[in-house]
């Protein structure tokens, strides 16, 4: 079992490996790759090109390999990288588009295929205890543009918590930061920036 305390994440080809806490000496390492058996206590700051401070910090209690499921069946031909207790802390609302784009690109498998990526017990919030948060039991990170969520709650300041069965978080494009949730009362949507009010 390997423990990775902190890995700098900038705008370089090495970052795809760094997101999983795997520090590789060469820049040729890209998605999809086989993760080590188990990596624990991962913390990855995400940096903008010319800014010395991180735009976000990704944390995970554990990364490990697993297999995708279809119904009750685990499919050995469909490998999966799991990030357990995955959290993203956004540092600055003004740099939100840059942060989301950088994070989305680093998780996305190259060529749109290969090993799937799944976050379990996911949370996203801005720095500061009095602000809102997005939580989901499960999040699929297979696309740089949009992440799929299941069984979550959206805590926006001054609004009753919104529970949802399915939702999406847009990571790129003109709608970057938009959260769309399927609730028992229909579709609810809000921008991530709403979580920063506190």
N, C-alpha and C. Protein backbone atom coordinates (compact mmCIF):
# COMPACT_ATOMS: atom_id res chain seq x y z
N UNK A 1 0.84 -1.17 0.00
CA UNK A 1 0.00 0.00 0.00
C UNK A 1 0.89 1.24 0.00
N UNK A 2 0.64 2.18 -0.91
CA UNK A 2 1.45 3.38 -0.99
C UNK A 2 0.65 4.56 -0.45
N UNK A 3 1.35 5.48 0.19
CA UNK A 3 0.73 6.70 0.68
C UNK A 3 1.35 7.88 -0.03
N UNK A 4 0.51 8.73 -0.60
CA UNK A 4 0.98 9.92 -1.28
C UNK A 4 0.38 11.11 -0.56
N UNK A 5 1.19 11.97 -0.01
CA UNK A 5 0.69 13.09 0.77
C UNK A 5 0.32 14.28 -0.11
N UNK A 6 1.18 14.64 -1.05
CA UNK A 6 0.89 15.81 -1.87
C UNK A 6 1.66 15.70 -3.17
N UNK A 7 1.00 16.02 -4.27
CA UNK A 7 1.62 16.00 -5.58
C UNK A 7 1.21 17.27 -6.29
N UNK A 8 2.16 18.04 -6.79
CA UNK A 8 1.82 19.27 -7.52
C UNK A 8 1.20 18.91 -8.85
N UNK A 9 0.09 19.56 -9.19
CA UNK A 9 -0.61 19.28 -10.43
C UNK A 9 -0.67 20.55 -11.25
N UNK A 10 0.12 20.61 -12.31
CA UNK A 10 0.15 21.77 -13.19
C UNK A 10 -0.40 21.43 -14.55
N UNK A 11 -0.03 22.15 -15.56
CA UNK A 11 -0.54 21.93 -16.90
C UNK A 11 0.49 21.16 -17.74
N UNK A 12 0.90 19.99 -17.31
CA UNK A 12 1.91 19.21 -18.01
C UNK A 12 1.38 17.79 -18.23
N UNK A 13 1.96 17.05 -19.21
CA UNK A 13 1.48 15.69 -19.48
C UNK A 13 1.56 14.76 -18.28
N UNK A 14 2.44 15.03 -17.31
CA UNK A 14 2.59 14.17 -16.15
C UNK A 14 1.37 14.16 -15.24
N UNK A 15 0.50 15.17 -15.36
CA UNK A 15 -0.58 15.32 -14.40
C UNK A 15 -1.58 14.18 -14.40
N UNK A 16 -1.81 13.55 -15.52
CA UNK A 16 -2.77 12.44 -15.53
C UNK A 16 -2.32 11.36 -14.55
N UNK A 17 -1.03 11.10 -14.50
CA UNK A 17 -0.51 10.13 -13.54
C UNK A 17 -0.58 10.70 -12.13
N UNK A 18 -0.29 11.98 -11.97
CA UNK A 18 -0.27 12.58 -10.64
C UNK A 18 -1.64 12.59 -9.98
N UNK A 19 -2.70 12.73 -10.77
CA UNK A 19 -4.04 12.74 -10.19
C UNK A 19 -4.30 11.48 -9.41
N UNK A 20 -3.78 10.38 -9.85
CA UNK A 20 -3.95 9.14 -9.12
C UNK A 20 -2.84 8.92 -8.11
N UNK A 21 -2.06 9.97 -7.88
CA UNK A 21 -1.02 9.87 -6.88
C UNK A 21 0.18 9.06 -7.30
N UNK A 22 0.31 8.78 -8.59
CA UNK A 22 1.42 8.00 -9.10
C UNK A 22 2.43 8.97 -9.67
N UNK A 23 3.57 9.12 -9.05
CA UNK A 23 4.58 10.03 -9.54
C UNK A 23 5.49 9.25 -10.46
N UNK A 24 5.48 9.61 -11.75
CA UNK A 24 6.26 8.90 -12.75
C UNK A 24 7.33 9.85 -13.27
N UNK A 25 8.53 9.38 -13.45
CA UNK A 25 9.63 10.26 -13.82
C UNK A 25 9.56 10.70 -15.28
N UNK A 26 8.87 9.98 -16.13
CA UNK A 26 8.80 10.38 -17.53
C UNK A 26 7.47 11.01 -17.85
N UNK A 27 7.41 11.82 -18.91
CA UNK A 27 6.19 12.52 -19.27
C UNK A 27 5.33 11.73 -20.25
N UNK A 28 5.71 10.52 -20.57
CA UNK A 28 4.97 9.74 -21.55
C UNK A 28 3.76 9.03 -20.95
N UNK A 29 3.64 8.98 -19.63
CA UNK A 29 2.54 8.28 -18.98
C UNK A 29 1.21 8.99 -19.24
N UNK A 30 0.22 8.30 -19.81
CA UNK A 30 -1.08 8.90 -20.12
C UNK A 30 -2.17 7.90 -19.81
N UNK A 31 -3.46 8.35 -19.87
CA UNK A 31 -4.60 7.48 -19.77
C UNK A 31 -4.63 6.58 -20.99
N UNK A 32 -5.25 5.40 -20.89
CA UNK A 32 -5.55 4.72 -19.64
C UNK A 32 -4.30 4.02 -19.13
N UNK A 33 -4.11 3.88 -17.87
CA UNK A 33 -2.98 3.15 -17.32
C UNK A 33 -3.46 2.33 -16.15
N UNK A 34 -2.70 1.31 -15.86
CA UNK A 34 -3.07 0.42 -14.77
C UNK A 34 -2.59 1.05 -13.46
N UNK A 35 -3.49 1.32 -12.51
CA UNK A 35 -3.06 1.88 -11.24
C UNK A 35 -2.39 0.81 -10.39
N UNK A 36 -1.56 1.22 -9.45
CA UNK A 36 -1.04 0.24 -8.50
C UNK A 36 -2.20 -0.39 -7.74
N UNK A 37 -1.93 -1.44 -7.02
CA UNK A 37 -2.97 -2.15 -6.30
C UNK A 37 -3.78 -1.22 -5.40
N UNK A 38 -3.09 -0.35 -4.67
CA UNK A 38 -3.78 0.48 -3.69
C UNK A 38 -2.92 1.71 -3.38
N UNK A 39 -3.53 2.89 -3.41
CA UNK A 39 -2.85 4.12 -3.02
C UNK A 39 -3.76 4.80 -2.01
N UNK A 40 -3.20 5.24 -0.88
CA UNK A 40 -4.03 5.88 0.13
C UNK A 40 -3.56 7.30 0.42
N UNK A 41 -4.47 8.08 1.01
CA UNK A 41 -4.18 9.44 1.47
C UNK A 41 -3.59 10.31 0.35
N UNK A 42 -4.37 10.50 -0.71
CA UNK A 42 -3.91 11.28 -1.86
C UNK A 42 -4.40 12.72 -1.73
N UNK A 43 -3.50 13.67 -1.94
CA UNK A 43 -3.84 15.09 -1.97
C UNK A 43 -3.11 15.72 -3.15
N UNK A 44 -3.89 16.32 -4.08
CA UNK A 44 -3.31 16.86 -5.30
C UNK A 44 -3.75 18.30 -5.52
N UNK A 45 -2.85 19.28 -5.32
CA UNK A 45 -3.21 20.66 -5.65
C UNK A 45 -3.23 20.84 -7.17
N UNK A 46 -4.19 21.61 -7.67
CA UNK A 46 -4.32 21.87 -9.11
C UNK A 46 -3.92 23.33 -9.35
N UNK A 47 -2.92 23.54 -10.21
CA UNK A 47 -2.41 24.88 -10.46
C UNK A 47 -2.79 25.39 -11.84
N UNK A 48 -2.98 26.69 -11.91
CA UNK A 48 -3.15 27.39 -13.17
C UNK A 48 -1.74 27.67 -13.70
N UNK A 49 -1.61 27.87 -15.01
CA UNK A 49 -0.28 28.04 -15.61
C UNK A 49 0.58 29.11 -14.93
N UNK A 50 0.09 30.31 -14.81
CA UNK A 50 0.92 31.42 -14.36
C UNK A 50 0.57 31.92 -12.96
N UNK A 51 -0.17 31.15 -12.20
CA UNK A 51 -0.57 31.59 -10.87
C UNK A 51 0.09 30.70 -9.83
N UNK A 52 0.74 31.30 -8.82
CA UNK A 52 1.46 30.47 -7.84
C UNK A 52 0.56 29.68 -6.88
N UNK A 53 -0.67 30.13 -6.66
CA UNK A 53 -1.56 29.43 -5.75
C UNK A 53 -2.43 28.41 -6.46
N UNK A 54 -2.82 27.33 -5.78
CA UNK A 54 -3.69 26.34 -6.42
C UNK A 54 -5.10 26.88 -6.65
N UNK A 55 -5.73 26.44 -7.76
CA UNK A 55 -7.12 26.82 -8.04
C UNK A 55 -8.07 25.83 -7.37
N UNK A 56 -7.56 24.65 -7.05
CA UNK A 56 -8.37 23.62 -6.39
C UNK A 56 -7.44 22.60 -5.75
N UNK A 57 -8.00 21.81 -4.84
CA UNK A 57 -7.25 20.70 -4.23
C UNK A 57 -8.15 19.47 -4.29
N UNK A 58 -7.61 18.39 -4.88
CA UNK A 58 -8.32 17.11 -4.92
C UNK A 58 -7.78 16.23 -3.81
N UNK A 59 -8.68 15.55 -3.12
CA UNK A 59 -8.26 14.63 -2.06
C UNK A 59 -9.02 13.32 -2.23
N UNK A 60 -8.38 12.24 -1.88
CA UNK A 60 -9.04 10.94 -1.86
C UNK A 60 -8.44 10.10 -0.76
N UNK A 61 -9.27 9.37 -0.06
CA UNK A 61 -8.78 8.48 0.99
C UNK A 61 -8.04 7.30 0.37
N UNK A 62 -8.52 6.88 -0.81
CA UNK A 62 -7.93 5.68 -1.41
C UNK A 62 -8.24 5.61 -2.90
N UNK A 63 -7.26 5.21 -3.71
CA UNK A 63 -7.45 4.87 -5.12
C UNK A 63 -7.14 3.39 -5.28
N UNK A 64 -7.98 2.68 -6.04
CA UNK A 64 -7.74 1.26 -6.27
C UNK A 64 -8.42 0.81 -7.55
N UNK A 65 -8.01 -0.33 -8.06
CA UNK A 65 -8.60 -0.90 -9.26
C UNK A 65 -9.79 -1.77 -8.93
N UNK A 66 -10.79 -1.76 -9.80
CA UNK A 66 -12.00 -2.57 -9.62
C UNK A 66 -12.54 -2.85 -11.02
N UNK A 67 -13.78 -3.34 -11.10
CA UNK A 67 -14.42 -3.61 -12.38
C UNK A 67 -15.81 -2.96 -12.42
N UNK A 68 -16.21 -2.54 -13.60
CA UNK A 68 -17.53 -1.94 -13.76
C UNK A 68 -18.60 -3.01 -13.57
N UNK A 69 -19.78 -2.56 -13.14
CA UNK A 69 -20.88 -3.49 -12.94
C UNK A 69 -22.01 -3.17 -13.90
N UNK A 70 -22.74 -4.19 -14.26
CA UNK A 70 -23.97 -4.08 -15.05
C UNK A 70 -25.01 -4.89 -14.30
N UNK A 71 -25.90 -4.19 -13.61
CA UNK A 71 -26.85 -4.90 -12.76
C UNK A 71 -26.10 -5.46 -11.56
N UNK A 72 -26.20 -6.79 -11.37
CA UNK A 72 -25.50 -7.43 -10.26
C UNK A 72 -24.16 -8.01 -10.67
N UNK A 73 -23.78 -7.86 -11.95
CA UNK A 73 -22.59 -8.52 -12.46
C UNK A 73 -21.41 -7.56 -12.56
N UNK A 74 -20.26 -8.01 -12.10
CA UNK A 74 -19.01 -7.28 -12.30
C UNK A 74 -18.37 -7.81 -13.57
N UNK A 75 -18.02 -6.89 -14.47
CA UNK A 75 -17.51 -7.27 -15.79
C UNK A 75 -15.99 -7.16 -15.81
N UNK A 76 -15.31 -8.30 -15.89
CA UNK A 76 -13.84 -8.33 -15.88
C UNK A 76 -13.21 -7.63 -17.07
N UNK A 77 -13.93 -7.52 -18.18
CA UNK A 77 -13.40 -6.86 -19.37
C UNK A 77 -13.53 -5.34 -19.30
N UNK A 78 -14.18 -4.83 -18.25
CA UNK A 78 -14.37 -3.38 -18.11
C UNK A 78 -13.71 -2.89 -16.82
N UNK A 79 -12.39 -2.64 -16.88
CA UNK A 79 -11.69 -2.21 -15.67
C UNK A 79 -12.14 -0.82 -15.22
N UNK A 80 -11.94 -0.54 -13.96
CA UNK A 80 -12.40 0.69 -13.35
C UNK A 80 -11.38 1.16 -12.33
N UNK A 81 -11.08 2.45 -12.32
CA UNK A 81 -10.27 3.03 -11.26
C UNK A 81 -11.23 3.73 -10.30
N UNK A 82 -11.14 3.42 -9.02
CA UNK A 82 -12.05 3.97 -8.02
C UNK A 82 -11.30 4.93 -7.11
N UNK A 83 -11.90 6.10 -6.91
CA UNK A 83 -11.39 7.08 -5.94
C UNK A 83 -12.40 7.11 -4.80
N UNK A 84 -12.00 6.58 -3.67
CA UNK A 84 -12.90 6.49 -2.51
C UNK A 84 -12.78 7.76 -1.65
N UNK A 85 -13.92 8.29 -1.22
CA UNK A 85 -13.96 9.54 -0.46
C UNK A 85 -13.27 10.67 -1.22
N UNK A 86 -13.66 10.81 -2.48
CA UNK A 86 -13.09 11.84 -3.36
C UNK A 86 -13.69 13.20 -3.03
N UNK A 87 -12.84 14.20 -2.81
CA UNK A 87 -13.34 15.55 -2.56
C UNK A 87 -12.55 16.54 -3.41
N UNK A 88 -13.25 17.58 -3.83
CA UNK A 88 -12.62 18.68 -4.57
C UNK A 88 -12.93 19.96 -3.80
N UNK A 89 -11.88 20.65 -3.40
CA UNK A 89 -12.01 21.94 -2.72
C UNK A 89 -11.62 23.03 -3.71
N UNK A 90 -12.59 23.86 -4.07
CA UNK A 90 -12.34 24.98 -4.98
C UNK A 90 -11.85 26.17 -4.17
N UNK A 91 -10.79 26.81 -4.64
CA UNK A 91 -10.15 27.87 -3.86
C UNK A 91 -10.70 29.26 -4.13
N UNK A 92 -11.10 29.53 -5.38
CA UNK A 92 -11.44 30.91 -5.74
C UNK A 92 -12.56 30.91 -6.78
N UNK A 93 -13.67 31.56 -6.46
CA UNK A 93 -14.81 31.61 -7.39
C UNK A 93 -14.44 32.30 -8.70
N UNK A 94 -13.52 33.25 -8.66
CA UNK A 94 -13.13 33.97 -9.87
C UNK A 94 -12.36 33.09 -10.85
N UNK A 95 -11.71 32.06 -10.34
CA UNK A 95 -10.94 31.16 -11.21
C UNK A 95 -11.67 29.82 -11.43
N UNK A 96 -12.96 29.81 -11.19
CA UNK A 96 -13.75 28.59 -11.30
C UNK A 96 -13.67 27.93 -12.67
N UNK A 97 -13.87 28.65 -13.80
CA UNK A 97 -13.79 27.98 -15.11
C UNK A 97 -12.45 27.31 -15.36
N UNK A 98 -11.37 27.96 -14.95
CA UNK A 98 -10.03 27.39 -15.12
C UNK A 98 -9.89 26.12 -14.29
N UNK A 99 -10.36 26.18 -13.04
CA UNK A 99 -10.26 25.02 -12.15
C UNK A 99 -11.04 23.83 -12.69
N UNK A 100 -12.29 24.04 -13.08
CA UNK A 100 -13.12 22.94 -13.58
C UNK A 100 -12.54 22.34 -14.85
N UNK A 101 -12.08 23.18 -15.77
CA UNK A 101 -11.49 22.70 -17.01
C UNK A 101 -10.26 21.85 -16.73
N UNK A 102 -9.37 22.34 -15.87
CA UNK A 102 -8.14 21.60 -15.54
C UNK A 102 -8.46 20.26 -14.89
N UNK A 103 -9.40 20.25 -13.95
CA UNK A 103 -9.76 19.01 -13.27
C UNK A 103 -10.40 18.02 -14.25
N UNK A 104 -11.34 18.50 -15.07
CA UNK A 104 -11.99 17.62 -16.04
C UNK A 104 -11.03 16.99 -17.01
N UNK A 105 -10.07 17.77 -17.52
CA UNK A 105 -9.10 17.25 -18.47
C UNK A 105 -8.18 16.21 -17.85
N UNK A 106 -7.84 16.38 -16.60
CA UNK A 106 -6.90 15.46 -15.97
C UNK A 106 -7.52 14.10 -15.65
N UNK A 107 -8.81 14.05 -15.41
CA UNK A 107 -9.45 12.77 -15.12
C UNK A 107 -9.87 12.03 -16.38
N UNK A 108 -10.14 12.74 -17.48
CA UNK A 108 -10.71 12.11 -18.68
C UNK A 108 -9.76 11.10 -19.31
N UNK A 109 -10.24 9.89 -19.61
CA UNK A 109 -9.40 8.92 -20.31
C UNK A 109 -9.09 9.40 -21.71
N UNK A 110 -7.89 9.15 -22.17
CA UNK A 110 -7.47 9.57 -23.50
C UNK A 110 -8.27 8.82 -24.55
N UNK A 111 -8.77 9.53 -25.54
CA UNK A 111 -9.53 8.90 -26.62
C UNK A 111 -10.95 8.56 -26.23
N UNK A 112 -11.37 8.92 -25.03
CA UNK A 112 -12.75 8.69 -24.60
C UNK A 112 -13.07 7.25 -24.25
N UNK A 113 -12.06 6.38 -24.24
CA UNK A 113 -12.34 4.97 -23.93
C UNK A 113 -11.41 4.46 -22.86
N UNK A 114 -11.32 3.14 -22.75
CA UNK A 114 -10.42 2.54 -21.79
C UNK A 114 -11.01 2.44 -20.40
N UNK A 115 -10.14 2.53 -19.43
CA UNK A 115 -10.51 2.35 -18.03
C UNK A 115 -11.46 3.43 -17.56
N UNK A 116 -12.58 3.02 -16.95
CA UNK A 116 -13.51 3.98 -16.39
C UNK A 116 -12.98 4.53 -15.07
N UNK A 117 -13.50 5.67 -14.67
CA UNK A 117 -13.08 6.29 -13.41
C UNK A 117 -14.34 6.62 -12.61
N UNK A 118 -14.34 6.23 -11.36
CA UNK A 118 -15.52 6.40 -10.52
C UNK A 118 -15.10 6.98 -9.17
N UNK A 119 -15.80 8.03 -8.73
CA UNK A 119 -15.60 8.58 -7.40
C UNK A 119 -16.71 8.11 -6.48
N UNK A 120 -16.37 7.63 -5.32
CA UNK A 120 -17.37 7.20 -4.34
C UNK A 120 -17.32 8.13 -3.14
N UNK A 121 -18.49 8.46 -2.61
CA UNK A 121 -18.60 9.44 -1.51
C UNK A 121 -17.93 10.75 -1.92
N UNK A 122 -18.41 11.29 -3.03
CA UNK A 122 -17.84 12.51 -3.64
C UNK A 122 -18.37 13.76 -2.95
N UNK A 123 -17.50 14.77 -2.82
CA UNK A 123 -17.94 16.08 -2.34
C UNK A 123 -17.18 17.17 -3.08
N UNK A 124 -17.87 18.28 -3.30
CA UNK A 124 -17.28 19.45 -3.94
C UNK A 124 -17.74 20.67 -3.15
N UNK A 125 -16.79 21.53 -2.81
CA UNK A 125 -17.12 22.74 -2.05
C UNK A 125 -16.03 23.78 -2.24
N UNK A 126 -16.37 25.02 -1.97
CA UNK A 126 -15.37 26.09 -1.93
C UNK A 126 -14.71 26.08 -0.56
N UNK A 127 -13.53 26.65 -0.47
CA UNK A 127 -12.85 26.79 0.83
C UNK A 127 -13.73 27.59 1.77
N UNK A 128 -13.77 27.20 3.02
CA UNK A 128 -14.58 27.91 4.00
C UNK A 128 -15.71 27.05 4.52
N UNK A 129 -15.86 26.96 5.81
CA UNK A 129 -16.82 26.05 6.43
C UNK A 129 -18.27 26.48 6.28
N UNK A 130 -18.53 27.77 6.09
CA UNK A 130 -19.91 28.25 6.08
C UNK A 130 -20.54 28.25 4.68
N UNK A 131 -19.89 27.66 3.74
CA UNK A 131 -20.38 27.70 2.36
C UNK A 131 -21.13 26.42 2.01
N UNK A 132 -21.72 26.42 0.82
CA UNK A 132 -22.49 25.28 0.36
C UNK A 132 -21.61 24.12 -0.11
N UNK A 133 -22.27 23.01 -0.47
CA UNK A 133 -21.53 21.85 -0.94
C UNK A 133 -22.40 21.00 -1.86
N UNK A 134 -21.73 20.19 -2.65
CA UNK A 134 -22.36 19.19 -3.50
C UNK A 134 -21.81 17.85 -3.05
N UNK A 135 -22.70 16.89 -2.76
CA UNK A 135 -22.28 15.56 -2.34
C UNK A 135 -23.02 14.52 -3.18
N UNK A 136 -22.32 13.44 -3.51
CA UNK A 136 -22.95 12.35 -4.25
C UNK A 136 -22.33 11.03 -3.81
N UNK A 137 -23.18 10.01 -3.73
CA UNK A 137 -22.69 8.67 -3.38
C UNK A 137 -21.74 8.17 -4.45
N UNK A 138 -22.02 8.53 -5.71
CA UNK A 138 -21.25 8.03 -6.85
C UNK A 138 -21.14 9.11 -7.91
N UNK A 139 -19.95 9.24 -8.50
CA UNK A 139 -19.76 10.16 -9.62
C UNK A 139 -18.87 9.48 -10.65
N UNK A 140 -19.29 9.57 -11.91
CA UNK A 140 -18.53 8.97 -13.03
C UNK A 140 -17.71 10.07 -13.68
N UNK A 141 -16.39 9.87 -13.77
CA UNK A 141 -15.47 10.88 -14.27
C UNK A 141 -14.93 10.52 -15.65
N UNK A 142 -15.73 9.87 -16.47
CA UNK A 142 -15.26 9.34 -17.75
C UNK A 142 -15.17 10.38 -18.86
N UNK A 143 -15.66 11.58 -18.64
CA UNK A 143 -15.68 12.60 -19.68
C UNK A 143 -15.07 13.88 -19.13
N UNK A 144 -14.28 14.57 -19.96
CA UNK A 144 -13.71 15.86 -19.54
C UNK A 144 -14.79 16.93 -19.51
N UNK A 145 -15.87 16.73 -20.26
CA UNK A 145 -16.90 17.77 -20.41
C UNK A 145 -18.00 17.71 -19.35
N UNK A 146 -18.38 16.49 -18.91
CA UNK A 146 -19.52 16.36 -18.01
C UNK A 146 -19.38 15.13 -17.14
N UNK A 147 -19.59 15.28 -15.84
CA UNK A 147 -19.54 14.16 -14.91
C UNK A 147 -20.95 13.79 -14.50
N UNK A 148 -21.21 12.49 -14.40
CA UNK A 148 -22.52 11.97 -14.02
C UNK A 148 -22.52 11.61 -12.53
N UNK A 149 -23.59 11.99 -11.83
CA UNK A 149 -23.69 11.75 -10.39
C UNK A 149 -24.93 10.91 -10.06
N UNK A 150 -24.86 10.18 -8.95
CA UNK A 150 -26.00 9.40 -8.45
C UNK A 150 -26.16 9.61 -6.96
N UNK A 151 -27.41 9.66 -6.51
CA UNK A 151 -27.76 9.71 -5.09
C UNK A 151 -26.98 10.78 -4.33
N UNK A 152 -27.42 12.02 -4.48
CA UNK A 152 -26.69 13.11 -3.86
C UNK A 152 -27.57 14.15 -3.21
N UNK A 153 -26.89 15.14 -2.65
CA UNK A 153 -27.58 16.27 -2.03
C UNK A 153 -26.79 17.54 -2.36
N UNK A 154 -27.52 18.57 -2.67
CA UNK A 154 -26.95 19.87 -3.01
C UNK A 154 -27.32 20.84 -1.89
N UNK A 155 -26.32 21.34 -1.20
CA UNK A 155 -26.54 22.30 -0.11
C UNK A 155 -26.12 23.68 -0.57
N UNK A 156 -27.09 24.49 -0.96
CA UNK A 156 -26.85 25.86 -1.40
C UNK A 156 -27.25 26.77 -0.26
N UNK A 157 -26.39 27.75 0.11
CA UNK A 157 -26.76 28.65 1.20
C UNK A 157 -28.11 29.31 0.98
N UNK A 158 -28.90 29.40 2.03
CA UNK A 158 -30.23 30.04 2.04
C UNK A 158 -31.29 29.29 1.24
N UNK A 159 -31.03 28.03 0.88
CA UNK A 159 -32.00 27.20 0.16
C UNK A 159 -32.10 25.86 0.89
N UNK A 160 -33.28 25.29 0.95
CA UNK A 160 -33.46 23.96 1.54
C UNK A 160 -32.61 22.95 0.76
N UNK A 161 -31.92 22.03 1.43
CA UNK A 161 -31.10 21.03 0.71
C UNK A 161 -31.91 20.31 -0.36
N UNK A 162 -31.29 20.12 -1.52
CA UNK A 162 -31.93 19.46 -2.66
C UNK A 162 -31.36 18.06 -2.79
N UNK A 163 -32.22 17.04 -2.59
CA UNK A 163 -31.81 15.65 -2.75
C UNK A 163 -32.12 15.21 -4.18
N UNK A 164 -31.20 14.46 -4.79
CA UNK A 164 -31.41 14.03 -6.17
C UNK A 164 -30.98 12.57 -6.37
N UNK A 165 -31.63 11.95 -7.38
CA UNK A 165 -31.27 10.58 -7.74
C UNK A 165 -30.13 10.56 -8.76
N UNK A 166 -30.24 11.43 -9.76
CA UNK A 166 -29.22 11.53 -10.81
C UNK A 166 -28.95 12.99 -11.10
N UNK A 167 -27.71 13.26 -11.53
CA UNK A 167 -27.37 14.63 -11.86
C UNK A 167 -26.12 14.69 -12.70
N UNK A 168 -25.83 15.88 -13.21
CA UNK A 168 -24.62 16.10 -13.99
C UNK A 168 -23.92 17.36 -13.49
N UNK A 169 -22.62 17.37 -13.64
CA UNK A 169 -21.80 18.55 -13.35
C UNK A 169 -21.02 18.83 -14.63
N UNK A 170 -21.28 19.99 -15.25
CA UNK A 170 -20.61 20.36 -16.49
C UNK A 170 -19.23 20.93 -16.16
N UNK A 171 -18.19 20.39 -16.79
CA UNK A 171 -16.82 20.78 -16.48
C UNK A 171 -16.22 21.74 -17.50
N UNK A 172 -16.75 21.77 -18.74
CA UNK A 172 -16.17 22.59 -19.81
C UNK A 172 -17.25 23.27 -20.62
N UNK A 173 -16.82 24.26 -21.41
CA UNK A 173 -17.72 24.92 -22.33
C UNK A 173 -18.47 26.07 -21.69
N UNK A 174 -19.45 26.62 -22.43
CA UNK A 174 -20.18 27.79 -21.93
C UNK A 174 -21.01 27.52 -20.67
N UNK A 175 -21.35 26.27 -20.42
CA UNK A 175 -22.12 25.93 -19.22
C UNK A 175 -21.24 25.33 -18.12
N UNK A 176 -19.94 25.54 -18.17
CA UNK A 176 -19.03 25.00 -17.16
C UNK A 176 -19.46 25.46 -15.78
N UNK A 177 -19.60 24.51 -14.87
CA UNK A 177 -20.02 24.81 -13.51
C UNK A 177 -21.50 24.60 -13.26
N UNK A 178 -22.26 24.28 -14.30
CA UNK A 178 -23.70 24.07 -14.14
C UNK A 178 -23.97 22.68 -13.55
N UNK A 179 -24.78 22.65 -12.50
CA UNK A 179 -25.21 21.39 -11.87
C UNK A 179 -26.67 21.20 -12.22
N UNK A 180 -27.01 20.05 -12.83
CA UNK A 180 -28.41 19.72 -13.16
C UNK A 180 -28.76 18.44 -12.43
N UNK A 181 -29.83 18.47 -11.67
CA UNK A 181 -30.23 17.34 -10.83
C UNK A 181 -31.65 16.90 -11.14
N UNK A 182 -31.86 15.58 -11.17
CA UNK A 182 -33.19 14.99 -11.31
C UNK A 182 -33.69 14.68 -9.91
N UNK A 183 -34.70 15.45 -9.45
CA UNK A 183 -35.25 15.26 -8.11
C UNK A 183 -36.66 14.67 -8.23
N UNK A 184 -37.28 14.37 -7.09
CA UNK A 184 -38.65 13.86 -7.10
C UNK A 184 -39.63 14.93 -7.58
N UNK A 185 -39.22 16.20 -7.53
CA UNK A 185 -40.07 17.31 -7.99
C UNK A 185 -39.68 17.82 -9.38
N UNK A 186 -38.86 17.08 -10.10
CA UNK A 186 -38.45 17.50 -11.43
C UNK A 186 -36.98 17.90 -11.48
N UNK A 187 -36.61 18.64 -12.52
CA UNK A 187 -35.23 19.06 -12.73
C UNK A 187 -34.92 20.30 -11.90
N UNK A 188 -33.79 20.27 -11.21
CA UNK A 188 -33.30 21.44 -10.48
C UNK A 188 -31.92 21.74 -11.02
N UNK A 189 -31.65 23.00 -11.34
CA UNK A 189 -30.31 23.34 -11.80
C UNK A 189 -29.82 24.62 -11.14
N UNK A 190 -28.53 24.64 -10.90
CA UNK A 190 -27.89 25.78 -10.25
C UNK A 190 -26.42 25.77 -10.67
N UNK A 191 -25.79 26.93 -10.65
CA UNK A 191 -24.37 27.02 -10.98
C UNK A 191 -23.54 26.78 -9.73
N UNK A 192 -22.37 26.16 -9.89
CA UNK A 192 -21.47 25.89 -8.77
C UNK A 192 -21.16 27.16 -7.99
N UNK A 193 -21.12 28.29 -8.68
CA UNK A 193 -20.78 29.56 -8.01
C UNK A 193 -21.73 29.85 -6.85
N UNK A 194 -22.96 29.31 -6.91
CA UNK A 194 -23.94 29.52 -5.83
C UNK A 194 -23.46 28.90 -4.52
N UNK A 195 -22.57 27.89 -4.61
CA UNK A 195 -22.06 27.25 -3.41
C UNK A 195 -21.09 28.16 -2.65
N UNK A 196 -20.57 29.19 -3.35
CA UNK A 196 -19.56 30.05 -2.73
C UNK A 196 -20.17 31.12 -1.83
N UNK A 197 -21.48 31.34 -1.93
CA UNK A 197 -22.13 32.32 -1.06
C UNK A 197 -22.17 31.79 0.36
N UNK A 198 -21.85 32.62 1.31
CA UNK A 198 -21.85 32.10 2.67
C UNK A 198 -21.98 33.15 3.71
